[in-house]
Structures are given as C-alpha cells and as structure tokens.
PDB file of N, CA and C in Angstrom:
ATOM      1  N   UNK A   1       0.495  -1.114   0.290  1.00  0.00           N
ATOM      2  CA  UNK A   1       0.075   0.096  -0.205  1.00  0.00           C
ATOM      3  C   UNK A   1       1.599   0.893  -0.148  1.00  0.00           C
ATOM      4  N   UNK A   2       0.339   1.879  -0.785  1.00  0.00           N
ATOM      5  CA  UNK A   2       1.127   3.322  -0.609  1.00  0.00           C
ATOM      6  C   UNK A   2       1.312   4.510   0.593  1.00  0.00           C
ATOM      7  N   UNK A   3       1.768   4.691   1.079  1.00  0.00           N
ATOM      8  CA  UNK A   3       1.737   5.360   1.943  1.00  0.00           C
ATOM      9  C   UNK A   3       1.644   7.315   1.764  1.00  0.00           C
ATOM     10  N   UNK A   4       1.544   7.384   0.924  1.00  0.00           N
ATOM     11  CA  UNK A   4       1.815   8.905   0.133  1.00  0.00           C
ATOM     12  C   UNK A   4       0.730   8.933  -0.264  1.00  0.00           C
ATOM     13  N   UNK A   5      -0.764   8.158   0.213  1.00  0.00           N
ATOM     14  CA  UNK A   5      -2.351   8.191  -0.235  1.00  0.00           C
ATOM     15  C   UNK A   5      -2.925   9.220   0.444  1.00  0.00           C
ATOM     16  N   UNK A   6      -3.716  10.127   0.041  1.00  0.00           N
ATOM     17  CA  UNK A   6      -4.760  10.656   0.695  1.00  0.00           C
ATOM     18  C   UNK A   6      -5.280  10.000   1.575  1.00  0.00           C
ATOM     19  N   UNK A   7      -6.131   9.918   3.249  1.00  0.00           N
ATOM     20  CA  UNK A   7      -7.164   9.195   3.176  1.00  0.00           C
ATOM     21  C   UNK A   7      -7.798  10.051   2.454  1.00  0.00           C
ATOM     22  N   UNK A   8      -8.803   8.368   2.460  1.00  0.00           N
ATOM     23  CA  UNK A   8     -10.390   8.485   1.818  1.00  0.00           C
ATOM     24  C   UNK A   8     -11.085   9.549   2.941  1.00  0.00           C
ATOM     25  N   UNK A   9     -11.993   9.942   1.858  1.00  0.00           N
ATOM     26  CA  UNK A   9     -13.384  11.027   2.772  1.00  0.00           C
ATOM     27  C   UNK A   9     -14.399   9.698   3.634  1.00  0.00           C
ATOM     28  N   UNK A  10     -14.405  10.755   4.773  1.00  0.00           N
ATOM     29  CA  UNK A  10     -15.463   9.836   5.414  1.00  0.00           C
ATOM     30  C   UNK A  10     -16.875   9.543   4.577  1.00  0.00           C
ATOM     31  N   UNK A  11     -16.975   8.085   4.663  1.00  0.00           N
ATOM     32  CA  UNK A  11     -18.309   7.935   3.884  1.00  0.00           C
ATOM     33  C   UNK A  11     -19.038   6.845   4.777  1.00  0.00           C
ATOM     34  N   UNK A  12     -20.108   7.523   5.138  1.00  0.00           N
ATOM     35  CA  UNK A  12     -20.933   6.801   6.568  1.00  0.00           C
ATOM     36  C   UNK A  12     -21.930   5.492   4.717  1.00  0.00           C
ATOM     37  N   UNK A  13     -21.531   4.260   5.497  1.00  0.00           N
ATOM     38  CA  UNK A  13     -22.585   3.026   4.875  1.00  0.00           C
ATOM     39  C   UNK A  13     -23.866   2.793   5.501  1.00  0.00           C
ATOM     40  N   UNK A  14     -24.965   2.806   4.613  1.00  0.00           N
ATOM     41  CA  UNK A  14     -26.043   2.263   5.175  1.00  0.00           C
ATOM     42  C   UNK A  14     -27.322   2.469   4.034  1.00  0.00           C
ATOM     43  N   UNK A  15     -28.031   2.989   4.020  1.00  0.00           N
ATOM     44  CA  UNK A  15     -29.086   2.746   3.803  1.00  0.00           C
ATOM     45  C   UNK A  15     -29.568   4.452   2.754  1.00  0.00           C
ATOM     46  N   UNK A  16     -29.455   4.771   1.440  1.00  0.00           N
ATOM     47  CA  UNK A  16     -29.469   6.313   1.177  1.00  0.00           C
ATOM     48  C   UNK A  16     -30.705   6.005  -0.167  1.00  0.00           C
ATOM     49  N   UNK A  17     -31.580   7.449   0.080  1.00  0.00           N
ATOM     50  CA  UNK A  17     -32.211   7.550  -0.846  1.00  0.00           C
ATOM     51  C   UNK A  17     -32.123   8.603  -2.007  1.00  0.00           C
ATOM     52  N   UNK A  18     -32.477   8.122  -3.345  1.00  0.00           N
ATOM     53  CA  UNK A  18     -31.924   9.407  -4.503  1.00  0.00           C
ATOM     54  C   UNK A  18     -32.585  11.012  -4.522  1.00  0.00           C
ATOM     55  N   UNK A  19     -32.656  11.785  -5.003  1.00  0.00           N
ATOM     56  CA  UNK A  19     -33.799  12.542  -5.233  1.00  0.00           C
ATOM     57  C   UNK A  19     -34.714  12.351  -5.746  1.00  0.00           C
ATOM     58  N   UNK A  20     -34.253  11.373  -6.761  1.00  0.00           N
ATOM     59  CA  UNK A  20     -35.673  10.619  -7.566  1.00  0.00           C
ATOM     60  C   UNK A  20     -36.700   9.338  -7.119  1.00  0.00           C
ATOM     61  N   UNK A  21     -36.356   9.158  -6.034  1.00  0.00           N
ATOM     62  CA  UNK A  21     -36.452   8.092  -4.903  1.00  0.00           C
ATOM     63  C   UNK A  21     -35.934   6.858  -4.918  1.00  0.00           C
ATOM     64  N   UNK A  22     -34.920   6.113  -5.628  1.00  0.00           N
ATOM     65  CA  UNK A  22     -34.602   4.720  -5.624  1.00  0.00           C
ATOM     66  C   UNK A  22     -33.716   4.543  -4.232  1.00  0.00           C
ATOM     67  N   UNK A  23     -33.579   3.558  -3.556  1.00  0.00           N
ATOM     68  CA  UNK A  23     -32.803   3.941  -2.542  1.00  0.00           C
ATOM     69  C   UNK A  23     -31.868   2.716  -2.466  1.00  0.00           C
ATOM     70  N   UNK A  24     -30.561   3.085  -2.113  1.00  0.00           N
ATOM     71  CA  UNK A  24     -29.646   2.586  -2.353  1.00  0.00           C
ATOM     72  C   UNK A  24     -28.385   2.112  -1.491  1.00  0.00           C
ATOM     73  N   UNK A  25     -28.180   0.972  -0.958  1.00  0.00           N
ATOM     74  CA  UNK A  25     -26.632   0.871  -0.392  1.00  0.00           C
ATOM     75  C   UNK A  25     -25.620   1.187  -0.501  1.00  0.00           C
ATOM     76  N   UNK A  26     -25.165   1.880   0.206  1.00  0.00           N
ATOM     77  CA  UNK A  26     -23.863   2.683   0.463  1.00  0.00           C
ATOM     78  C   UNK A  26     -22.958   1.443   0.839  1.00  0.00           C
ATOM     79  N   UNK A  27     -21.868   0.508   0.054  1.00  0.00           N
ATOM     80  CA  UNK A  27     -20.892  -0.453   0.974  1.00  0.00           C
ATOM     81  C   UNK A  27     -19.579   0.154   0.897  1.00  0.00           C
ATOM     82  N   UNK A  28     -18.926   1.425   0.295  1.00  0.00           N
ATOM     83  CA  UNK A  28     -17.811   1.334   1.033  1.00  0.00           C
ATOM     84  C   UNK A  28     -17.824   2.791  -0.087  1.00  0.00           C
ATOM     85  N   UNK A  29     -16.200   2.390   0.345  1.00  0.00           N
ATOM     86  CA  UNK A  29     -15.412   3.808  -0.303  1.00  0.00           C
ATOM     87  C   UNK A  29     -14.379   3.454  -1.102  1.00  0.00           C
ATOM     88  N   UNK A  30     -13.707   3.593  -3.019  1.00  0.00           N
ATOM     89  CA  UNK A  30     -12.758   3.238  -3.200  1.00  0.00           C
ATOM     90  C   UNK A  30     -12.421   4.352  -4.178  1.00  0.00           C
ATOM     91  N   UNK A  31     -10.780   3.909  -4.945  1.00  0.00           N
ATOM     92  CA  UNK A  31      -9.975   5.253  -4.771  1.00  0.00           C
ATOM     93  C   UNK A  31     -10.187   5.173  -6.755  1.00  0.00           C
ATOM     94  N   UNK A  32     -10.470   5.824  -7.761  1.00  0.00           N
ATOM     95  CA  UNK A  32     -10.401   5.582  -9.611  1.00  0.00           C
ATOM     96  C   UNK A  32      -8.671   5.090  -9.298  1.00  0.00           C
ATOM     97  N   UNK A  33      -8.418   3.768 -10.188  1.00  0.00           N
ATOM     98  CA  UNK A  33      -7.019   3.393 -10.844  1.00  0.00           C
ATOM     99  C   UNK A  33      -6.015   4.642 -11.416  1.00  0.00           C
ATOM    100  N   UNK A  34      -6.739   5.562 -12.223  1.00  0.00           N
ATOM    101  CA  UNK A  34      -6.020   6.701 -12.860  1.00  0.00           C
ATOM    102  C   UNK A  34      -6.009   7.780 -12.157  1.00  0.00           C
ATOM    103  N   UNK A  35      -6.702   8.483 -11.484  1.00  0.00           N
ATOM    104  CA  UNK A  35      -7.208   9.640 -11.206  1.00  0.00           C
ATOM    105  C   UNK A  35      -6.672   9.723  -9.157  1.00  0.00           C
ATOM    106  N   UNK A  36      -6.928   8.556  -9.253  1.00  0.00           N
ATOM    107  CA  UNK A  36      -6.792   8.266  -7.192  1.00  0.00           C
ATOM    108  C   UNK A  36      -8.262   9.046  -6.998  1.00  0.00           C
ATOM    109  N   UNK A  37      -9.360  10.086  -7.740  1.00  0.00           N
ATOM    110  CA  UNK A  37     -10.570  10.120  -6.881  1.00  0.00           C
ATOM    111  C   UNK A  37     -11.181   9.104  -6.174  1.00  0.00           C
ATOM    112  N   UNK A  38     -11.650  10.154  -5.184  1.00  0.00           N
ATOM    113  CA  UNK A  38     -12.668   8.948  -4.205  1.00  0.00           C
ATOM    114  C   UNK A  38     -14.409   8.925  -4.995  1.00  0.00           C
ATOM    115  N   UNK A  39     -14.036   7.719  -4.692  1.00  0.00           N
ATOM    116  CA  UNK A  39     -15.771   7.336  -5.043  1.00  0.00           C
ATOM    117  C   UNK A  39     -16.284   6.197  -4.143  1.00  0.00           C
ATOM    118  N   UNK A  40     -17.867   6.689  -4.236  1.00  0.00           N
ATOM    119  CA  UNK A  40     -18.510   5.778  -3.749  1.00  0.00           C
ATOM    120  C   UNK A  40     -18.909   4.662  -4.094  1.00  0.00           C
ATOM    121  N   UNK A  41     -18.864   3.719  -3.243  1.00  0.00           N
ATOM    122  CA  UNK A  41     -19.414   1.619  -4.310  1.00  0.00           C
ATOM    123  C   UNK A  41     -20.714   1.792  -3.295  1.00  0.00           C
ATOM    124  N   UNK A  42     -21.781   1.423  -4.581  1.00  0.00           N
ATOM    125  CA  UNK A  42     -23.061   1.573  -4.210  1.00  0.00           C
ATOM    126  C   UNK A  42     -24.395   0.279  -4.971  1.00  0.00           C
ATOM    127  N   UNK A  43     -24.472  -0.176  -4.348  1.00  0.00           N
ATOM    128  CA  UNK A  43     -26.057  -0.951  -4.973  1.00  0.00           C
ATOM    129  C   UNK A  43     -27.540  -0.503  -5.130  1.00  0.00           C
ATOM    130  N   UNK A  44     -28.561  -0.361  -5.917  1.00  0.00           N
ATOM    131  CA  UNK A  44     -29.749  -0.486  -5.827  1.00  0.00           C
ATOM    132  C   UNK A  44     -29.967  -1.446  -4.780  1.00  0.00           C
ATOM    133  N   UNK A  45     -31.363  -1.106  -3.789  1.00  0.00           N
ATOM    134  CA  UNK A  45     -31.758  -1.603  -3.795  1.00  0.00           C
ATOM    135  C   UNK A  45     -33.183  -2.723  -4.472  1.00  0.00           C
ATOM    136  N   UNK A  46     -33.451  -1.888  -5.561  1.00  0.00           N
ATOM    137  CA  UNK A  46     -34.480  -2.487  -6.223  1.00  0.00           C
ATOM    138  C   UNK A  46     -34.318  -3.099  -7.287  1.00  0.00           C
ATOM    139  N   UNK A  47     -33.141  -3.393  -7.737  1.00  0.00           N
ATOM    140  CA  UNK A  47     -32.620  -4.652  -8.661  1.00  0.00           C
ATOM    141  C   UNK A  47     -31.751  -5.409  -8.225  1.00  0.00           C
ATOM    142  N   UNK A  48     -30.778  -6.121  -9.072  1.00  0.00           N
ATOM    143  CA  UNK A  48     -30.138  -6.881  -9.197  1.00  0.00           C
ATOM    144  C   UNK A  48     -29.055  -6.640 -10.140  1.00  0.00           C
ATOM    145  N   UNK A  49     -28.567  -4.717 -10.219  1.00  0.00           N
ATOM    146  CA  UNK A  49     -28.046  -4.606 -11.492  1.00  0.00           C
ATOM    147  C   UNK A  49     -26.431  -4.849 -10.829  1.00  0.00           C
ATOM    148  N   UNK A  50     -25.832  -4.851  -9.783  1.00  0.00           N
ATOM    149  CA  UNK A  50     -24.851  -5.179  -9.460  1.00  0.00           C
ATOM    150  C   UNK A  50     -24.263  -3.818  -8.799  1.00  0.00           C
ATOM    151  N   UNK A  51     -22.634  -3.330  -9.018  1.00  0.00           N
ATOM    152  CA  UNK A  51     -22.504  -2.095  -7.774  1.00  0.00           C
ATOM    153  C   UNK A  51     -22.088  -1.544  -8.533  1.00  0.00           C
ATOM    154  N   UNK A  52     -22.009  -0.039  -8.039  1.00  0.00           N
ATOM    155  CA  UNK A  52     -21.711   1.070  -9.205  1.00  0.00           C
ATOM    156  C   UNK A  52     -20.806   2.095  -8.527  1.00  0.00           C
ATOM    157  N   UNK A  53     -20.466   3.045  -9.100  1.00  0.00           N
ATOM    158  CA  UNK A  53     -19.482   3.582  -8.488  1.00  0.00           C
ATOM    159  C   UNK A  53     -19.605   5.626  -9.018  1.00  0.00           C
ATOM    160  N   UNK A  54     -19.684   5.910  -8.196  1.00  0.00           N
ATOM    161  CA  UNK A  54     -20.008   7.562  -8.435  1.00  0.00           C
ATOM    162  C   UNK A  54     -18.934   8.554  -7.518  1.00  0.00           C
ATOM    163  N   UNK A  55     -18.411   9.101  -8.058  1.00  0.00           N
ATOM    164  CA  UNK A  55     -17.115  10.162  -7.196  1.00  0.00           C
ATOM    165  C   UNK A  55     -18.008  10.514  -5.600  1.00  0.00           C
ATOM    166  N   UNK A  56     -16.981  10.951  -5.152  1.00  0.00           N
ATOM    167  CA  UNK A  56     -17.561  10.621  -3.436  1.00  0.00           C
ATOM    168  C   UNK A  56     -18.355  12.080  -3.730  1.00  0.00           C
ATOM    169  N   UNK A  57     -17.616  13.313  -3.890  1.00  0.00           N
ATOM    170  CA  UNK A  57     -18.000  14.537  -4.008  1.00  0.00           C
ATOM    171  C   UNK A  57     -19.538  14.784  -4.716  1.00  0.00           C
ATOM    172  N   UNK A  58     -19.784  14.401  -6.207  1.00  0.00           N
ATOM    173  CA  UNK A  58     -21.488  13.969  -6.425  1.00  0.00           C
ATOM    174  C   UNK A  58     -22.280  13.100  -5.338  1.00  0.00           C
ATOM    175  N   UNK A  59     -21.563  12.220  -5.376  1.00  0.00           N
ATOM    176  CA  UNK A  59     -22.430  11.641  -4.279  1.00  0.00           C
ATOM    177  C   UNK A  59     -23.050  12.293  -2.910  1.00  0.00           C
ATOM    178  N   UNK A  60     -22.510  13.063  -2.701  1.00  0.00           N
ATOM    179  CA  UNK A  60     -22.672  13.578  -1.480  1.00  0.00           C
ATOM    180  C   UNK A  60     -23.190  14.547  -1.968  1.00  0.00           C
ATOM    181  N   UNK A  61     -22.836  14.884  -2.896  1.00  0.00           N
ATOM    182  CA  UNK A  61     -23.711  16.837  -2.753  1.00  0.00           C
ATOM    183  C   UNK A  61     -25.307  16.691  -3.418  1.00  0.00           C
ATOM    184  N   UNK A  62     -25.350  18.690  -3.466  1.00  0.00           N
ATOM    185  CA  UNK A  62     -25.848  18.992  -3.815  1.00  0.00           C
ATOM    186  C   UNK A  62     -26.781  18.514  -4.910  1.00  0.00           C
ATOM    187  N   UNK A  63     -28.167  18.929  -5.384  1.00  0.00           N
ATOM    188  CA  UNK A  63     -28.934  19.117  -7.036  1.00  0.00           C
ATOM    189  C   UNK A  63     -29.869  20.436  -6.196  1.00  0.00           C
ATOM    190  N   UNK A  64     -30.874  20.948  -7.670  1.00  0.00           N
ATOM    191  CA  UNK A  64     -31.165  22.079  -7.768  1.00  0.00           C
ATOM    192  C   UNK A  64     -32.649  21.500  -8.228  1.00  0.00           C
ATOM    193  N   UNK A  65     -33.698  21.408  -7.652  1.00  0.00           N
ATOM    194  CA  UNK A  65     -35.290  20.723  -8.284  1.00  0.00           C
ATOM    195  C   UNK A  65     -35.900  21.943  -7.593  1.00  0.00           C
ATOM    196  N   UNK A  66     -35.960  22.610  -8.742  1.00  0.00           N
ATOM    197  CA  UNK A  66     -37.539  23.693  -8.816  1.00  0.00           C
ATOM    198  C   UNK A  66     -36.961  24.754  -7.909  1.00  0.00           C
ATOM    199  N   UNK A  67     -35.656  24.757  -7.863  1.00  0.00           N
ATOM    200  CA  UNK A  67     -35.297  26.192  -7.472  1.00  0.00           C
ATOM    201  C   UNK A  67     -34.443  25.781  -5.690  1.00  0.00           C
ATOM    202  N   UNK A  68     -34.852  24.677  -5.194  1.00  0.00           N
ATOM    203  CA  UNK A  68     -34.511  24.347  -3.830  1.00  0.00           C
ATOM    204  C   UNK A  68     -32.996  23.349  -3.703  1.00  0.00           C
ATOM    205  N   UNK A  69     -32.246  23.156  -3.264  1.00  0.00           N
ATOM    206  CA  UNK A  69     -31.137  23.041  -2.792  1.00  0.00           C
ATOM    207  C   UNK A  69     -31.254  21.360  -2.018  1.00  0.00           C
ATOM    208  N   UNK A  70     -31.323  20.134  -2.849  1.00  0.00           N
ATOM    209  CA  UNK A  70     -31.385  19.316  -2.288  1.00  0.00           C
ATOM    210  C   UNK A  70     -30.175  18.612  -2.372  1.00  0.00           C
ATOM    211  N   UNK A  71     -30.531  16.898  -1.670  1.00  0.00           N
ATOM    212  CA  UNK A  71     -28.953  16.164  -1.463  1.00  0.00           C
ATOM    213  C   UNK A  71     -29.721  15.035  -2.613  1.00  0.00           C
ATOM    214  N   UNK A  72     -28.456  14.782  -3.203  1.00  0.00           N
ATOM    215  CA  UNK A  72     -28.479  13.953  -4.141  1.00  0.00           C
ATOM    216  C   UNK A  72     -28.899  12.611  -3.481  1.00  0.00           C
ATOM    217  N   UNK A  73     -28.320  12.095  -2.745  1.00  0.00           N
ATOM    218  CA  UNK A  73     -28.544  10.961  -2.098  1.00  0.00           C
ATOM    219  C   UNK A  73     -28.749  11.258  -0.271  1.00  0.00           C
ATOM    220  N   UNK A  74     -30.277  11.306   0.254  1.00  0.00           N
ATOM    221  CA  UNK A  74     -29.897  11.744   1.549  1.00  0.00           C
ATOM    222  C   UNK A  74     -29.671  10.104   2.215  1.00  0.00           C
ATOM    223  N   UNK A  75     -29.375  10.212   3.413  1.00  0.00           N
ATOM    224  CA  UNK A  75     -29.693   8.575   4.674  1.00  0.00           C
ATOM    225  C   UNK A  75     -30.802   8.805   4.377  1.00  0.00           C
ATOM    226  N   UNK A  76     -31.009   7.325   4.716  1.00  0.00           N
ATOM    227  CA  UNK A  76     -32.429   7.183   5.656  1.00  0.00           C
ATOM    228  C   UNK A  76     -32.325   6.258   6.845  1.00  0.00           C
ATOM    229  N   UNK A  77     -33.152   6.501   7.834  1.00  0.00           N
ATOM    230  CA  UNK A  77     -33.266   6.307   8.948  1.00  0.00           C
ATOM    231  C   UNK A  77     -33.769   5.243   9.156  1.00  0.00           C
ATOM    232  N   UNK A  78     -32.829   3.506   9.201  1.00  0.00           N
ATOM    233  CA  UNK A  78     -33.497   2.488   9.257  1.00  0.00           C
ATOM    234  C   UNK A  78     -34.055   1.891  10.317  1.00  0.00           C
ATOM    235  N   UNK A  79     -34.039   3.478  11.103  1.00  0.00           N
ATOM    236  CA  UNK A  79     -35.033   2.903  12.666  1.00  0.00           C
ATOM    237  C   UNK A  79     -35.974   3.065  12.560  1.00  0.00           C
ATOM    238  N   UNK A  80     -36.568   3.958  12.262  1.00  0.00           N
ATOM    239  CA  UNK A  80     -38.137   4.403  11.856  1.00  0.00           C
ATOM    240  C   UNK A  80     -38.869   3.314  11.289  1.00  0.00           C
TER     241      UNK A  80
END
C-alpha cells in the first residue's frame, strides 16, 4: 500500500434515497485507479444490477430541484 495516498473521505455506510426516489446501499469507498479520486461504491435495493460507483463529491453533493437545493442522496433512517 502506498503511504503517500491521502485518506479517503468519511463515507457513512447504510441506506440512502436518491432525490428521484430509488434506494441504495452504500457499501464503501474506493479510489479511481487512474486519477486516485475518491468514489462511493453502492448498489440499488430495487434490482440486481450489481455494484456502481460515483464520485464521492457528487454522491454527497446537492442538486437543484424547482429552485430548491436538495441532497442527491439522503440517508434513510433505518430505525424508523
């Protein structure tokens, strides 16, 4: 392992809801092999399409919907 790599950003595991409605399980963080950019590794709960990755900043970022800023993926409280 290369000790010169920066730490991956905090990536809370668990269930998230996309602003369009689908639910996903975040299972970890990874690094792009070419750019070393941090990625979120996740899978949809509504089908078996496998694992997906998205840039960390995009996954945890906001989008504007009808003039309102909302989280692209919001955590789902599993205790509710």
